[in-house]
PDB file of N, CA and C in Angstrom:
ATOM      1  N   MET A   1      46.529  -5.746 -25.587  1.00  0.00           N
ATOM      2  CA  MET A   1      47.226  -5.011 -26.045  1.00  0.00           C
ATOM      3  C   MET A   1      48.827  -5.913 -26.511  1.00  0.00           C
ATOM      4  N   LYS A   2      49.021  -5.356 -27.652  1.00  0.00           N
ATOM      5  CA  LYS A   2      50.278  -6.481 -28.380  1.00  0.00           C
ATOM      6  C   LYS A   2      52.234  -5.971 -27.625  1.00  0.00           C
ATOM      7  N   GLN A   3      52.612  -6.978 -28.051  1.00  0.00           N
ATOM      8  CA  GLN A   3      53.992  -6.788 -27.474  1.00  0.00           C
ATOM      9  C   GLN A   3      54.275  -5.929 -28.914  1.00  0.00           C
ATOM     10  N   THR A   4      55.340  -4.963 -28.893  1.00  0.00           N
ATOM     11  CA  THR A   4      55.490  -4.198 -29.967  1.00  0.00           C
ATOM     12  C   THR A   4      57.190  -4.553 -30.196  1.00  0.00           C
ATOM     13  N   GLU A   5      57.863  -4.857 -28.978  1.00  0.00           N
ATOM     14  CA  GLU A   5      59.342  -5.143 -29.003  1.00  0.00           C
ATOM     15  C   GLU A   5      59.776  -6.104 -27.837  1.00  0.00           C
ATOM     16  N   GLY A   6      60.766  -6.955 -28.170  1.00  0.00           N
ATOM     17  CA  GLY A   6      60.904  -7.538 -26.712  1.00  0.00           C
ATOM     18  C   GLY A   6      62.790  -7.563 -26.763  1.00  0.00           C
ATOM     19  N   VAL A   7      63.346  -7.125 -25.790  1.00  0.00           N
ATOM     20  CA  VAL A   7      64.717  -7.243 -25.818  1.00  0.00           C
ATOM     21  C   VAL A   7      65.671  -8.063 -24.702  1.00  0.00           C
ATOM     22  N   PRO A   8      66.230  -9.236 -25.045  1.00  0.00           N
ATOM     23  CA  PRO A   8      66.804  -9.789 -24.201  1.00  0.00           C
ATOM     24  C   PRO A   8      68.038  -9.369 -23.872  1.00  0.00           C
ATOM     25  N   THR A   9      68.570  -9.803 -22.371  1.00  0.00           N
ATOM     26  CA  THR A   9      69.869  -9.561 -22.243  1.00  0.00           C
ATOM     27  C   THR A   9      70.476 -11.045 -21.395  1.00  0.00           C
ATOM     28  N   GLU A  10      71.188 -11.929 -22.231  1.00  0.00           N
ATOM     29  CA  GLU A  10      71.592 -12.916 -21.164  1.00  0.00           C
ATOM     30  C   GLU A  10      72.889 -13.281 -21.202  1.00  0.00           C
ATOM     31  N   PHE A  11      73.348 -14.307 -20.444  1.00  0.00           N
ATOM     32  CA  PHE A  11      74.274 -14.931 -19.914  1.00  0.00           C
ATOM     33  C   PHE A  11      74.746 -16.202 -20.190  1.00  0.00           C
ATOM     34  N   VAL A  12      75.242 -16.870 -20.882  1.00  0.00           N
ATOM     35  CA  VAL A  12      74.952 -18.312 -20.998  1.00  0.00           C
ATOM     36  C   VAL A  12      76.420 -19.076 -20.738  1.00  0.00           C
ATOM     37  N   GLU A  13      76.192 -20.096 -19.870  1.00  0.00           N
ATOM     38  CA  GLU A  13      77.500 -21.145 -20.324  1.00  0.00           C
ATOM     39  C   GLU A  13      77.155 -22.602 -20.894  1.00  0.00           C
ATOM     40  N   ALA A  14      78.172 -22.714 -21.574  1.00  0.00           N
ATOM     41  CA  ALA A  14      77.943 -23.423 -22.813  1.00  0.00           C
ATOM     42  C   ALA A  14      79.000 -24.943 -22.334  1.00  0.00           C
ATOM     43  N   THR A  15      78.702 -26.266 -22.608  1.00  0.00           N
ATOM     44  CA  THR A  15      79.271 -27.397 -22.444  1.00  0.00           C
ATOM     45  C   THR A  15      79.056 -28.371 -23.378  1.00  0.00           C
ATOM     46  N   GLY A  16      79.722 -28.394 -24.717  1.00  0.00           N
ATOM     47  CA  GLY A  16      79.769 -29.235 -25.696  1.00  0.00           C
ATOM     48  C   GLY A  16      78.154 -29.118 -26.347  1.00  0.00           C
ATOM     49  N   ALA A  17      77.057 -29.910 -26.198  1.00  0.00           N
ATOM     50  CA  ALA A  17      75.727 -29.425 -26.716  1.00  0.00           C
ATOM     51  C   ALA A  17      74.736 -29.362 -25.390  1.00  0.00           C
ATOM     52  N   SER A  18      75.071 -29.052 -24.576  1.00  0.00           N
ATOM     53  CA  SER A  18      74.348 -28.148 -23.195  1.00  0.00           C
ATOM     54  C   SER A  18      74.625 -27.026 -23.058  1.00  0.00           C
ATOM     55  N   SER A  19      73.717 -26.263 -22.668  1.00  0.00           N
ATOM     56  CA  SER A  19      73.728 -25.019 -22.002  1.00  0.00           C
ATOM     57  C   SER A  19      72.686 -24.181 -20.895  1.00  0.00           C
ATOM     58  N   LYS A  20      73.286 -23.514 -20.302  1.00  0.00           N
ATOM     59  CA  LYS A  20      72.373 -23.231 -19.131  1.00  0.00           C
ATOM     60  C   LYS A  20      72.665 -21.724 -18.829  1.00  0.00           C
ATOM     61  N   GLY A  21      71.778 -20.725 -18.274  1.00  0.00           N
ATOM     62  CA  GLY A  21      72.019 -19.597 -18.147  1.00  0.00           C
ATOM     63  C   GLY A  21      71.124 -18.642 -17.565  1.00  0.00           C
ATOM     64  N   HIS A  22      71.001 -16.943 -17.336  1.00  0.00           N
ATOM     65  CA  HIS A  22      69.848 -16.603 -17.080  1.00  0.00           C
ATOM     66  C   HIS A  22      69.686 -15.194 -17.741  1.00  0.00           C
ATOM     67  N   GLY A  23      68.848 -14.657 -17.594  1.00  0.00           N
ATOM     68  CA  GLY A  23      68.788 -13.351 -18.396  1.00  0.00           C
ATOM     69  C   GLY A  23      67.827 -12.360 -17.699  1.00  0.00           C
ATOM     70  N   ILE A  24      67.474 -11.414 -18.554  1.00  0.00           N
ATOM     71  CA  ILE A  24      66.538 -10.271 -18.185  1.00  0.00           C
ATOM     72  C   ILE A  24      65.964  -9.684 -19.745  1.00  0.00           C
ATOM     73  N   PHE A  25      64.508  -9.960 -19.609  1.00  0.00           N
ATOM     74  CA  PHE A  25      63.848  -9.799 -20.797  1.00  0.00           C
ATOM     75  C   PHE A  25      62.457  -8.504 -20.802  1.00  0.00           C
ATOM     76  N   VAL A  26      63.065  -7.486 -21.618  1.00  0.00           N
ATOM     77  CA  VAL A  26      62.064  -6.235 -21.363  1.00  0.00           C
ATOM     78  C   VAL A  26      61.202  -6.628 -22.780  1.00  0.00           C
ATOM     79  N   GLU A  27      59.804  -6.249 -22.251  1.00  0.00           N
ATOM     80  CA  GLU A  27      58.806  -6.265 -22.977  1.00  0.00           C
ATOM     81  C   GLU A  27      57.790  -5.098 -23.300  1.00  0.00           C
ATOM     82  N   THR A  28      58.132  -4.469 -24.586  1.00  0.00           N
ATOM     83  CA  THR A  28      57.387  -3.232 -24.687  1.00  0.00           C
ATOM     84  C   THR A  28      56.357  -3.688 -25.279  1.00  0.00           C
ATOM     85  N   MET A  29      55.047  -2.873 -24.565  1.00  0.00           N
ATOM     86  CA  MET A  29      53.527  -3.140 -25.381  1.00  0.00           C
ATOM     87  C   MET A  29      53.325  -2.008 -26.173  1.00  0.00           C
ATOM     88  N   SER A  30      52.441  -1.929 -26.998  1.00  0.00           N
ATOM     89  CA  SER A  30      51.674  -1.066 -28.064  1.00  0.00           C
ATOM     90  C   SER A  30      51.917   0.242 -27.154  1.00  0.00           C
ATOM     91  N   SER A  31      51.245   0.040 -25.981  1.00  0.00           N
ATOM     92  CA  SER A  31      51.045   1.390 -25.007  1.00  0.00           C
ATOM     93  C   SER A  31      52.337   2.347 -24.922  1.00  0.00           C
ATOM     94  N   GLY A  32      53.367   1.856 -25.059  1.00  0.00           N
ATOM     95  CA  GLY A  32      54.643   2.207 -24.229  1.00  0.00           C
ATOM     96  C   GLY A  32      54.579   1.366 -23.060  1.00  0.00           C
ATOM     97  N   ASP A  33      53.954   1.024 -22.459  1.00  0.00           N
ATOM     98  CA  ASP A  33      54.249   0.533 -21.283  1.00  0.00           C
ATOM     99  C   ASP A  33      55.160  -0.758 -21.165  1.00  0.00           C
ATOM    100  N   LYS A  34      56.154  -1.085 -19.995  1.00  0.00           N
ATOM    101  CA  LYS A  34      57.043  -2.547 -20.136  1.00  0.00           C
ATOM    102  C   LYS A  34      56.871  -2.981 -19.107  1.00  0.00           C
ATOM    103  N   ILE A  35      57.213  -4.476 -19.441  1.00  0.00           N
ATOM    104  CA  ILE A  35      57.254  -5.285 -18.255  1.00  0.00           C
ATOM    105  C   ILE A  35      58.680  -6.081 -18.372  1.00  0.00           C
ATOM    106  N   VAL A  36      58.886  -6.153 -16.926  1.00  0.00           N
ATOM    107  CA  VAL A  36      60.634  -6.612 -16.921  1.00  0.00           C
ATOM    108  C   VAL A  36      60.447  -8.175 -16.391  1.00  0.00           C
ATOM    109  N   TYR A  37      60.941  -9.444 -17.136  1.00  0.00           N
ATOM    110  CA  TYR A  37      60.877 -10.533 -16.489  1.00  0.00           C
ATOM    111  C   TYR A  37      62.594 -10.615 -16.468  1.00  0.00           C
ATOM    112  N   SER A  38      62.905 -11.739 -15.393  1.00  0.00           N
ATOM    113  CA  SER A  38      64.116 -12.511 -14.951  1.00  0.00           C
ATOM    114  C   SER A  38      63.898 -13.835 -15.561  1.00  0.00           C
ATOM    115  N   TYR A  39      64.584 -14.554 -15.777  1.00  0.00           N
ATOM    116  CA  TYR A  39      64.649 -15.956 -16.555  1.00  0.00           C
ATOM    117  C   TYR A  39      65.755 -16.970 -16.264  1.00  0.00           C
ATOM    118  N   ASP A  40      65.862 -17.899 -16.029  1.00  0.00           N
ATOM    119  CA  ASP A  40      66.570 -18.975 -15.704  1.00  0.00           C
ATOM    120  C   ASP A  40      66.320 -20.193 -16.581  1.00  0.00           C
ATOM    121  N   PHE A  41      67.394 -20.546 -17.867  1.00  0.00           N
ATOM    122  CA  PHE A  41      66.938 -21.490 -18.672  1.00  0.00           C
ATOM    123  C   PHE A  41      68.187 -22.222 -18.933  1.00  0.00           C
ATOM    124  N   THR A  42      67.739 -23.947 -19.632  1.00  0.00           N
ATOM    125  CA  THR A  42      68.803 -24.373 -20.141  1.00  0.00           C
ATOM    126  C   THR A  42      68.311 -25.205 -21.591  1.00  0.00           C
ATOM    127  N   GLY A  43      69.398 -25.567 -22.185  1.00  0.00           N
ATOM    128  CA  GLY A  43      69.254 -25.930 -23.504  1.00  0.00           C
ATOM    129  C   GLY A  43      69.975 -26.923 -24.238  1.00  0.00           C
ATOM    130  N   THR A  44      69.490 -27.380 -25.302  1.00  0.00           N
ATOM    131  CA  THR A  44      70.532 -28.314 -25.872  1.00  0.00           C
ATOM    132  C   THR A  44      70.847 -27.921 -27.420  1.00  0.00           C
ATOM    133  N   SER A  45      72.005 -28.327 -28.187  1.00  0.00           N
ATOM    134  CA  SER A  45      72.021 -28.052 -29.275  1.00  0.00           C
ATOM    135  C   SER A  45      72.537 -28.916 -30.276  1.00  0.00           C
ATOM    136  N   LYS A  46      72.394 -28.684 -31.496  1.00  0.00           N
ATOM    137  CA  LYS A  46      72.728 -29.785 -32.393  1.00  0.00           C
ATOM    138  C   LYS A  46      73.023 -29.102 -33.925  1.00  0.00           C
ATOM    139  N   ASN A  47      74.261 -29.343 -34.356  1.00  0.00           N
ATOM    140  CA  ASN A  47      74.622 -28.845 -35.389  1.00  0.00           C
ATOM    141  C   ASN A  47      74.785 -27.235 -35.363  1.00  0.00           C
ATOM    142  N   LYS A  48      75.361 -26.830 -34.155  1.00  0.00           N
ATOM    143  CA  LYS A  48      75.639 -25.481 -33.799  1.00  0.00           C
ATOM    144  C   LYS A  48      74.463 -24.566 -33.378  1.00  0.00           C
ATOM    145  N   MET A  49      73.233 -25.237 -33.654  1.00  0.00           N
ATOM    146  CA  MET A  49      71.847 -24.421 -33.284  1.00  0.00           C
ATOM    147  C   MET A  49      71.212 -25.153 -32.292  1.00  0.00           C
ATOM    148  N   MET A  50      70.418 -24.079 -31.938  1.00  0.00           N
ATOM    149  CA  MET A  50      69.477 -24.511 -30.618  1.00  0.00           C
ATOM    150  C   MET A  50      68.343 -25.665 -31.015  1.00  0.00           C
ATOM    151  N   ASP A  51      68.231 -26.868 -30.339  1.00  0.00           N
ATOM    152  CA  ASP A  51      67.500 -27.958 -30.862  1.00  0.00           C
ATOM    153  C   ASP A  51      66.280 -27.821 -29.758  1.00  0.00           C
ATOM    154  N   THR A  52      66.650 -27.894 -28.284  1.00  0.00           N
ATOM    155  CA  THR A  52      65.339 -27.585 -27.317  1.00  0.00           C
ATOM    156  C   THR A  52      65.894 -26.841 -26.417  1.00  0.00           C
ATOM    157  N   GLY A  53      65.100 -26.428 -25.417  1.00  0.00           N
ATOM    158  CA  GLY A  53      64.983 -25.442 -24.073  1.00  0.00           C
ATOM    159  C   GLY A  53      64.127 -25.296 -23.420  1.00  0.00           C
ATOM    160  N   SER A  54      64.458 -25.010 -22.396  1.00  0.00           N
ATOM    161  CA  SER A  54      63.265 -24.549 -21.308  1.00  0.00           C
ATOM    162  C   SER A  54      63.548 -23.701 -20.562  1.00  0.00           C
ATOM    163  N   ASN A  55      62.803 -22.821 -19.807  1.00  0.00           N
ATOM    164  CA  ASN A  55      63.200 -21.760 -19.304  1.00  0.00           C
ATOM    165  C   ASN A  55      62.019 -21.517 -17.642  1.00  0.00           C
ATOM    166  N   LYS A  56      62.475 -20.981 -16.893  1.00  0.00           N
ATOM    167  CA  LYS A  56      61.402 -20.364 -15.703  1.00  0.00           C
ATOM    168  C   LYS A  56      61.426 -19.001 -15.760  1.00  0.00           C
ATOM    169  N   PHE A  57      60.182 -17.991 -15.791  1.00  0.00           N
ATOM    170  CA  PHE A  57      60.518 -17.081 -15.560  1.00  0.00           C
ATOM    171  C   PHE A  57      59.632 -16.084 -14.164  1.00  0.00           C
ATOM    172  N   THR A  58      60.184 -15.006 -14.113  1.00  0.00           N
ATOM    173  CA  THR A  58      59.034 -14.402 -12.778  1.00  0.00           C
ATOM    174  C   THR A  58      59.307 -12.712 -13.165  1.00  0.00           C
ATOM    175  N   VAL A  59      58.097 -12.238 -13.226  1.00  0.00           N
ATOM    176  CA  VAL A  59      57.911 -10.740 -13.486  1.00  0.00           C
ATOM    177  C   VAL A  59      58.600  -9.955 -12.446  1.00  0.00           C
ATOM    178  N   THR A  60      59.413  -9.068 -12.639  1.00  0.00           N
ATOM    179  CA  THR A  60      59.791  -8.044 -11.739  1.00  0.00           C
ATOM    180  C   THR A  60      59.983  -6.673 -11.504  1.00  0.00           C
ATOM    181  N   SER A  61      58.907  -6.066 -12.471  1.00  0.00           N
ATOM    182  CA  SER A  61      58.789  -5.171 -12.946  1.00  0.00           C
ATOM    183  C   SER A  61      58.004  -4.647 -13.789  1.00  0.00           C
ATOM    184  N   GLY A  62      57.169  -3.676 -13.874  1.00  0.00           N
ATOM    185  CA  GLY A  62      56.671  -3.052 -14.701  1.00  0.00           C
ATOM    186  C   GLY A  62      56.287  -1.569 -14.792  1.00  0.00           C
ATOM    187  N   THR A  63      55.854  -0.831 -15.588  1.00  0.00           N
ATOM    188  CA  THR A  63      55.609   0.402 -16.227  1.00  0.00           C
ATOM    189  C   THR A  63      54.070   0.526 -16.594  1.00  0.00           C
ATOM    190  N   GLY A  64      53.723   1.717 -16.007  1.00  0.00           N
ATOM    191  CA  GLY A  64      52.660   2.153 -16.617  1.00  0.00           C
ATOM    192  C   GLY A  64      51.414   1.256 -15.946  1.00  0.00           C
ATOM    193  N   ARG A  65      50.483   0.704 -16.907  1.00  0.00           N
ATOM    194  CA  ARG A  65      49.441  -0.264 -16.751  1.00  0.00           C
ATOM    195  C   ARG A  65      50.011  -1.472 -16.009  1.00  0.00           C
ATOM    196  N   PHE A  66      51.161  -1.431 -16.240  1.00  0.00           N
ATOM    197  CA  PHE A  66      51.925  -2.875 -15.608  1.00  0.00           C
ATOM    198  C   PHE A  66      52.674  -2.544 -14.495  1.00  0.00           C
ATOM    199  N   LYS A  67      52.653  -1.591 -13.467  1.00  0.00           N
ATOM    200  CA  LYS A  67      53.105  -1.179 -12.552  1.00  0.00           C
ATOM    201  C   LYS A  67      52.444  -2.058 -11.247  1.00  0.00           C
ATOM    202  N   GLY A  68      53.922  -2.753 -10.711  1.00  0.00           N
ATOM    203  CA  GLY A  68      53.001  -3.814  -9.679  1.00  0.00           C
ATOM    204  C   GLY A  68      52.712  -4.740  -9.946  1.00  0.00           C
ATOM    205  N   MET A  69      52.725  -4.753 -11.240  1.00  0.00           N
ATOM    206  CA  MET A  69      52.270  -6.405 -11.575  1.00  0.00           C
ATOM    207  C   MET A  69      53.416  -7.865 -10.760  1.00  0.00           C
ATOM    208  N   THR A  70      52.795  -8.584 -10.471  1.00  0.00           N
ATOM    209  CA  THR A  70      53.562  -9.853 -10.445  1.00  0.00           C
ATOM    210  C   THR A  70      52.929 -11.218 -11.515  1.00  0.00           C
ATOM    211  N   GLY A  71      54.183 -11.963 -11.152  1.00  0.00           N
ATOM    212  CA  GLY A  71      53.657 -13.420 -12.090  1.00  0.00           C
ATOM    213  C   GLY A  71      54.863 -13.994 -12.086  1.00  0.00           C
ATOM    214  N   GLY A  72      54.649 -15.085 -13.185  1.00  0.00           N
ATOM    215  CA  GLY A  72      55.522 -16.044 -13.273  1.00  0.00           C
ATOM    216  C   GLY A  72      55.120 -17.348 -14.351  1.00  0.00           C
ATOM    217  N   GLY A  73      56.057 -17.953 -15.184  1.00  0.00           N
ATOM    218  CA  GLY A  73      55.591 -18.943 -15.631  1.00  0.00           C
ATOM    219  C   GLY A  73      57.040 -20.075 -16.021  1.00  0.00           C
ATOM    220  N   THR A  74      56.547 -20.718 -17.569  1.00  0.00           N
ATOM    221  CA  THR A  74      57.473 -21.280 -17.881  1.00  0.00           C
ATOM    222  C   THR A  74      57.465 -21.683 -19.475  1.00  0.00           C
ATOM    223  N   CYS A  75      58.335 -21.814 -20.417  1.00  0.00           N
ATOM    224  CA  CYS A  75      58.453 -21.789 -22.093  1.00  0.00           C
ATOM    225  C   CYS A  75      58.970 -23.441 -21.785  1.00  0.00           C
ATOM    226  N   LYS A  76      58.570 -23.543 -23.069  1.00  0.00           N
ATOM    227  CA  LYS A  76      59.727 -24.387 -23.637  1.00  0.00           C
ATOM    228  C   LYS A  76      59.942 -24.058 -25.681  1.00  0.00           C
ATOM    229  N   ALA A  77      61.070 -24.729 -25.963  1.00  0.00           N
ATOM    230  CA  ALA A  77      61.409 -24.215 -27.137  1.00  0.00           C
ATOM    231  C   ALA A  77      62.078 -25.165 -27.921  1.00  0.00           C
ATOM    232  N   LYS A  78      61.483 -24.709 -28.934  1.00  0.00           N
ATOM    233  CA  LYS A  78      62.479 -26.046 -30.015  1.00  0.00           C
ATOM    234  C   LYS A  78      62.533 -25.469 -31.129  1.00  0.00           C
ATOM    235  N   GLY A  79      64.023 -25.482 -31.432  1.00  0.00           N
ATOM    236  CA  GLY A  79      64.762 -24.716 -32.634  1.00  0.00           C
ATOM    237  C   GLY A  79      64.403 -25.606 -34.021  1.00  0.00           C
ATOM    238  N   ASN A  80      64.267 -24.575 -35.242  1.00  0.00           N
ATOM    239  CA  ASN A  80      64.026 -24.576 -36.576  1.00  0.00           C
ATOM    240  C   ASN A  80      65.135 -24.497 -37.116  1.00  0.00           C
ATOM    241  N   PRO A  81      65.174 -25.253 -38.440  1.00  0.00           N
ATOM    242  CA  PRO A  81      66.368 -25.862 -39.336  1.00  0.00           C
ATOM    243  C   PRO A  81      66.862 -24.328 -39.799  1.00  0.00           C
ATOM    244  N   ASP A  82      66.145 -23.192 -39.996  1.00  0.00           N
ATOM    245  CA  ASP A  82      66.833 -22.058 -40.235  1.00  0.00           C
ATOM    246  C   ASP A  82      67.458 -21.143 -39.164  1.00  0.00           C
ATOM    247  N   GLY A  83      67.126 -21.708 -37.914  1.00  0.00           N
ATOM    248  CA  GLY A  83      68.379 -20.975 -36.586  1.00  0.00           C
ATOM    249  C   GLY A  83      67.258 -20.211 -36.059  1.00  0.00           C
ATOM    250  N   SER A  84      66.063 -20.224 -36.379  1.00  0.00           N
ATOM    251  CA  SER A  84      65.133 -19.567 -35.566  1.00  0.00           C
ATOM    252  C   SER A  84      64.378 -20.558 -34.295  1.00  0.00           C
ATOM    253  N   ALA A  85      63.636 -20.036 -33.399  1.00  0.00           N
ATOM    254  CA  ALA A  85      63.170 -20.904 -32.611  1.00  0.00           C
ATOM    255  C   ALA A  85      61.509 -20.808 -32.131  1.00  0.00           C
ATOM    256  N   GLU A  86      61.024 -21.889 -31.871  1.00  0.00           N
ATOM    257  CA  GLU A  86      59.643 -20.971 -31.196  1.00  0.00           C
ATOM    258  C   GLU A  86      59.423 -21.666 -29.639  1.00  0.00           C
ATOM    259  N   PHE A  87      58.952 -20.880 -29.236  1.00  0.00           N
ATOM    260  CA  PHE A  87      58.696 -20.826 -27.779  1.00  0.00           C
ATOM    261  C   PHE A  87      57.065 -20.992 -27.406  1.00  0.00           C
ATOM    262  N   THR A  88      56.716 -21.649 -26.502  1.00  0.00           N
ATOM    263  CA  THR A  88      55.234 -21.897 -26.136  1.00  0.00           C
ATOM    264  C   THR A  88      55.830 -21.617 -24.539  1.00  0.00           C
ATOM    265  N   CYS A  89      54.861 -20.538 -23.948  1.00  0.00           N
ATOM    266  CA  CYS A  89      55.076 -20.233 -22.495  1.00  0.00           C
ATOM    267  C   CYS A  89      53.344 -20.299 -22.053  1.00  0.00           C
ATOM    268  N   SER A  90      53.495 -20.628 -20.547  1.00  0.00           N
ATOM    269  CA  SER A  90      52.219 -20.412 -20.248  1.00  0.00           C
ATOM    270  C   SER A  90      52.605 -19.593 -18.452  1.00  0.00           C
ATOM    271  N   GLY A  91      51.637 -19.480 -18.003  1.00  0.00           N
ATOM    272  CA  GLY A  91      52.357 -18.940 -16.496  1.00  0.00           C
ATOM    273  C   GLY A  91      50.445 -18.159 -15.969  1.00  0.00           C
ATOM    274  N   THR A  92      50.779 -17.186 -15.036  1.00  0.00           N
ATOM    275  CA  THR A  92      50.014 -16.489 -14.162  1.00  0.00           C
ATOM    276  C   THR A  92      50.258 -15.136 -14.216  1.00  0.00           C
ATOM    277  N   TYR A  93      49.760 -14.164 -13.941  1.00  0.00           N
ATOM    278  CA  TYR A  93      50.108 -12.933 -13.646  1.00  0.00           C
ATOM    279  C   TYR A  93      48.826 -11.975 -13.047  1.00  0.00           C
ATOM    280  N   SER A  94      49.199 -11.230 -12.088  1.00  0.00           N
ATOM    281  CA  SER A  94      48.133 -10.239 -11.358  1.00  0.00           C
ATOM    282  C   SER A  94      48.787  -8.930 -11.524  1.00  0.00           C
ATOM    283  N   LEU A  95      47.586  -7.855 -11.794  1.00  0.00           N
ATOM    284  CA  LEU A  95      47.942  -6.513 -12.142  1.00  0.00           C
ATOM    285  C   LEU A  95      47.615  -5.668 -10.484  1.00  0.00           C
ATOM    286  N   ALA A  96      48.426  -4.745 -10.385  1.00  0.00           N
ATOM    287  CA  ALA A  96      47.949  -4.243  -8.829  1.00  0.00           C
ATOM    288  C   ALA A  96      46.713  -3.630  -9.205  1.00  0.00           C
ATOM    289  N   LYS A  97      46.406  -3.324  -8.074  1.00  0.00           N
ATOM    290  CA  LYS A  97      44.770  -2.691  -7.735  1.00  0.00           C
ATOM    291  C   LYS A  97      44.701  -1.371  -7.604  1.00  0.00           C
TER     292      LYS A  97
END
């Protein structure tokens, strides 16, 4: 199943080139089902753009096929010169029976 949309809501504290914060990410799948994650993150910036970052996430809820889902993991991020970022994530999850 593919993700069709991902919407973050973040709260960030930045001091100089360092930042930290937390947020909620709602992932909508091609079926219309949703997975909600909470996360905490840290990062660094360079030239007013993201340079590196990392986060720890936890599945907090889901709908449809993902109702009762549990799981979590981590992501590492690398900023690109155009202002975008690439995330590499790994973790585990379990679907409700």
